Protein backbone atom coordinates (compact mmCIF):
# COMPACT_ATOMS: atom_id res chain seq x y z
CA MET A 1 0.01 0.00 0.01
CA THR A 2 0.99 3.60 -0.62
CA ARG A 3 -0.98 6.74 0.12
CA ILE A 4 -1.86 10.15 -1.28
CA ILE A 5 0.51 12.54 0.49
CA ALA A 6 -1.42 15.82 0.48
CA GLY A 7 -4.31 17.74 -0.88
CA ARG A 8 -8.05 17.06 -0.65
CA ALA A 9 -7.54 13.31 -0.71
CA GLY A 10 -4.44 13.35 1.53
CA GLY A 11 -4.01 10.12 3.43
CA ALA A 12 -6.16 8.03 1.02
CA ARG A 13 -4.61 4.56 0.70
CA LEU A 14 -3.78 3.22 -2.70
CA GLU A 15 -3.16 -0.38 -3.76
CA VAL A 16 0.01 -1.15 -5.71
CA PRO A 17 0.50 -4.00 -8.19
CA ARG A 18 2.11 -7.07 -6.70
CA SER A 19 4.65 -7.23 -9.52
CA GLY A 20 5.64 -5.63 -12.78
CA THR A 21 5.81 -2.04 -11.50
CA ARG A 22 8.12 0.01 -9.34
CA PRO A 23 6.12 2.51 -7.24
CA THR A 24 7.72 5.94 -6.76
CA SER A 25 9.00 6.32 -3.21
CA GLU A 26 7.19 8.74 -0.89
CA ARG A 27 10.39 10.82 -0.61
CA VAL A 28 10.63 11.28 -4.38
CA ARG A 29 6.89 12.02 -4.64
CA GLU A 30 7.10 14.67 -1.88
CA SER A 31 9.94 16.40 -3.68
CA LEU A 32 8.25 16.14 -7.08
CA PHE A 33 4.98 17.59 -5.91
CA GLY A 34 6.60 20.34 -3.84
CA SER A 35 8.40 21.42 -7.04
CA LEU A 36 5.27 21.10 -9.18
CA GLU A 37 3.28 23.23 -6.77
CA ASP A 38 6.04 25.86 -6.88
CA THR A 39 5.59 26.19 -10.63
CA GLY A 40 1.96 27.21 -10.15
CA LEU A 41 0.91 24.86 -13.02
CA LEU A 42 -0.78 22.19 -10.93
CA GLU A 43 -3.97 24.05 -10.04
CA GLY A 44 -6.50 23.42 -12.77
CA ALA A 45 -4.01 21.43 -14.87
CA ALA A 46 -4.65 18.78 -17.50
CA VAL A 47 -2.29 15.95 -16.45
CA VAL A 48 -1.27 12.69 -18.12
CA ASP A 49 0.40 9.95 -16.14
CA LEU A 50 2.08 7.70 -18.67
CA TYR A 51 3.13 4.18 -17.60
CA ALA A 52 0.83 4.88 -14.62
CA GLY A 53 1.07 1.58 -12.72
CA SER A 54 -1.10 2.19 -9.66
CA GLY A 55 -1.86 5.74 -10.79
CA ALA A 56 -0.29 7.27 -7.67
CA LEU A 57 1.44 10.15 -9.45
CA GLY A 58 -1.60 11.26 -11.44
CA LEU A 59 -3.92 10.79 -8.47
CA GLU A 60 -1.62 12.91 -6.31
CA CYS A 61 -2.06 15.64 -9.00
CA ALA A 62 -5.85 15.20 -8.69
CA SER A 63 -5.72 15.57 -4.94
CA ARG A 64 -3.61 18.73 -5.24
CA GLY A 65 -5.83 20.61 -7.69
CA ALA A 66 -5.50 19.23 -11.22
CA ALA A 67 -8.72 19.60 -13.22
CA ALA A 68 -8.31 16.47 -15.33
CA VAL A 69 -6.06 13.39 -15.05
CA ASP A 70 -5.52 10.65 -17.61
CA LEU A 71 -3.82 7.47 -16.33
CA VAL A 72 -2.27 5.42 -19.12
CA GLU A 73 -1.32 1.83 -18.29
CA ARG A 74 -1.30 -1.01 -20.82
CA SER A 75 -1.23 -3.85 -18.24
CA LYS A 76 -4.85 -4.80 -17.79
CA PRO A 77 -4.44 -5.85 -14.12
CA ALA A 78 -2.55 -2.66 -13.24
CA ALA A 79 -5.05 -0.52 -15.12
CA ALA A 80 -7.92 -2.14 -13.17
CA LEU A 81 -6.09 -1.38 -9.95
CA ALA A 82 -5.50 2.23 -11.07
CA ARG A 83 -9.28 2.47 -11.72
CA ARG A 84 -9.98 1.27 -8.17
CA ASN A 85 -7.49 3.74 -6.80
CA ALA A 86 -9.06 6.56 -8.80
CA ASP A 87 -12.44 5.64 -7.37
CA VAL A 88 -11.01 5.83 -3.82
CA VAL A 89 -9.42 9.25 -4.48
CA CYS A 90 -12.48 10.68 -6.19
CA ARG A 91 -14.76 9.46 -3.38
CA ALA A 92 -12.44 11.10 -0.83
CA MET A 93 -12.70 14.38 -2.74
CA GLY A 94 -16.50 14.34 -3.04
CA ALA A 95 -18.76 15.79 -5.64
CA ASP A 96 -16.24 18.29 -7.02
CA ALA A 97 -13.54 15.68 -7.73
CA PRO A 98 -11.66 16.26 -11.00
CA ARG A 99 -12.22 14.10 -14.08
CA VAL A 100 -9.99 11.05 -13.83
CA ARG A 101 -9.90 8.56 -16.72
CA VAL A 102 -7.95 5.34 -16.95
CA HIS A 103 -6.78 4.23 -20.42
CA PRO A 104 -5.77 0.53 -20.55
CA VAL A 105 -3.66 1.00 -23.72
CA ALA A 106 -0.04 1.41 -24.69
CA VAL A 107 1.45 4.87 -24.24
CA ARG A 108 1.95 5.37 -27.98
CA THR A 109 -1.63 4.35 -28.76
CA PHE A 110 -2.84 6.96 -26.27
CA LEU A 111 -0.52 9.70 -27.55
CA ARG A 112 -1.54 9.09 -31.15
CA SER A 113 -5.21 9.46 -30.32
CA THR A 114 -5.33 12.31 -27.82
CA ALA A 115 -5.83 16.02 -28.42
CA PRO A 116 -3.31 18.78 -27.60
CA GLY A 117 -3.72 20.69 -24.32
CA ILE A 118 -1.55 18.79 -21.82
CA ASP A 119 -0.13 20.96 -19.00
CA ILE A 120 1.83 18.32 -17.14
CA ALA A 121 3.07 14.91 -18.36
CA LEU A 122 4.52 12.43 -15.88
CA LEU A 123 6.46 9.50 -17.32
CA ASP A 124 7.66 6.66 -15.08
CA PRO A 125 8.53 4.02 -17.66
CA PRO A 126 9.89 0.61 -16.81
CA TYR A 127 13.63 0.83 -16.16
CA ASP A 128 14.28 -1.60 -19.01
CA LEU A 129 12.56 0.63 -21.57
CA PRO A 130 15.23 1.50 -24.13
CA GLY A 131 16.21 5.16 -24.48
CA ALA A 132 15.19 5.16 -28.14
CA ASP A 133 11.67 4.08 -27.19
CA LEU A 134 11.48 6.79 -24.56
CA ALA A 135 12.65 9.36 -27.15
CA GLU A 136 9.87 8.20 -29.50
CA ASP A 137 7.27 8.58 -26.73
CA LEU A 138 8.55 12.07 -25.98
CA ALA A 139 8.43 13.01 -29.67
CA LEU A 140 4.73 11.98 -29.80
CA LEU A 141 4.07 13.86 -26.56
CA ALA A 142 5.78 17.15 -27.40
CA PRO A 143 3.16 18.50 -29.85
CA LEU A 144 0.37 17.75 -27.33
CA LEU A 145 1.89 20.03 -24.66
CA ARG A 146 0.74 23.56 -24.01
CA SER A 147 3.45 26.14 -24.60
CA ASP A 148 4.14 26.40 -20.87
CA GLY A 149 3.79 22.65 -20.25
CA LEU A 150 6.11 20.46 -18.25
CA VAL A 151 7.34 16.91 -18.68
CA VAL A 152 8.85 14.94 -15.77
CA VAL A 153 10.61 11.66 -16.48
CA GLU A 154 11.50 9.30 -13.61
CA ARG A 155 14.16 6.73 -14.38
CA ALA A 156 17.11 4.97 -12.92
CA THR A 157 19.99 7.41 -12.60
CA ARG A 158 22.21 4.99 -14.57
CA SER A 159 19.80 5.30 -17.57
CA GLY A 160 20.97 8.85 -18.25
CA ALA A 161 18.94 11.84 -19.27
CA PRO A 162 16.20 11.56 -21.88
CA ASP A 163 17.00 12.73 -25.43
CA TRP A 164 15.06 15.97 -25.11
CA SER A 165 16.31 17.57 -28.32
CA ALA A 166 15.11 14.64 -30.52
CA ALA A 167 11.60 15.34 -29.22
CA GLY A 168 11.72 19.12 -29.64
CA LEU A 169 11.93 19.60 -25.89
CA ALA A 170 14.53 21.29 -23.73
CA PRO A 171 15.89 20.14 -20.36
CA TRP A 172 14.87 22.29 -17.43
CA ARG A 173 15.88 20.63 -14.18
CA GLU A 174 17.33 17.41 -12.82
CA ARG A 175 17.14 15.99 -9.30
CA SER A 176 18.64 12.71 -8.10
CA TYR A 177 17.46 10.64 -5.14
CA GLY A 178 19.91 7.75 -4.84
CA ASP A 179 19.27 5.35 -7.71
CA THR A 180 16.33 7.44 -9.07
CA THR A 181 16.49 10.69 -11.01
CA LEU A 182 13.72 13.06 -12.04
CA TRP A 183 14.45 14.83 -15.34
CA TRP A 184 12.26 17.84 -16.12
CA GLY A 185 11.74 19.13 -19.63
CA GLU A 186 9.69 21.79 -21.39
CA PRO A 187 8.82 22.79 -24.94
CA ALA A 188 11.91 24.13 -26.66
């Protein structure tokens, strides 16, 4: 189990998949969301959580003021679990909960079929996802971002920074937490 750290659904408990995913540690999530709130972009944001797993990152955004959250997870069991977690968070927030949708499809399928207007994109791909595949995902994502949008990629530090330039994005910030690094990018 993990939990929503703060916001209107703070303390809500979330299930995590038994295998096949690597939930973001609470320490990393606290840092990530403190930084996101400092940008001022989170309130009213349209957020996508790609490779969502349990949906914890996107649901934390919902709890902290995002207007809409799309959780994208191709594993059917993990997507079902993300749906249950979304129900828990939305119930905790009551009648004015944001729109949360779970998409049980591959990231590229989602990106090829969604409309522009994304404020914040969170990517926590499997550590074994090749860098070239991540670069292709970022290239599909880039034209969907608003001009002031942000992209945050969480990966193993040893994986190295994403290839921002191939996607038409620019690096903005980088923070390491032991074996995990958050790379931040924005439209170039």
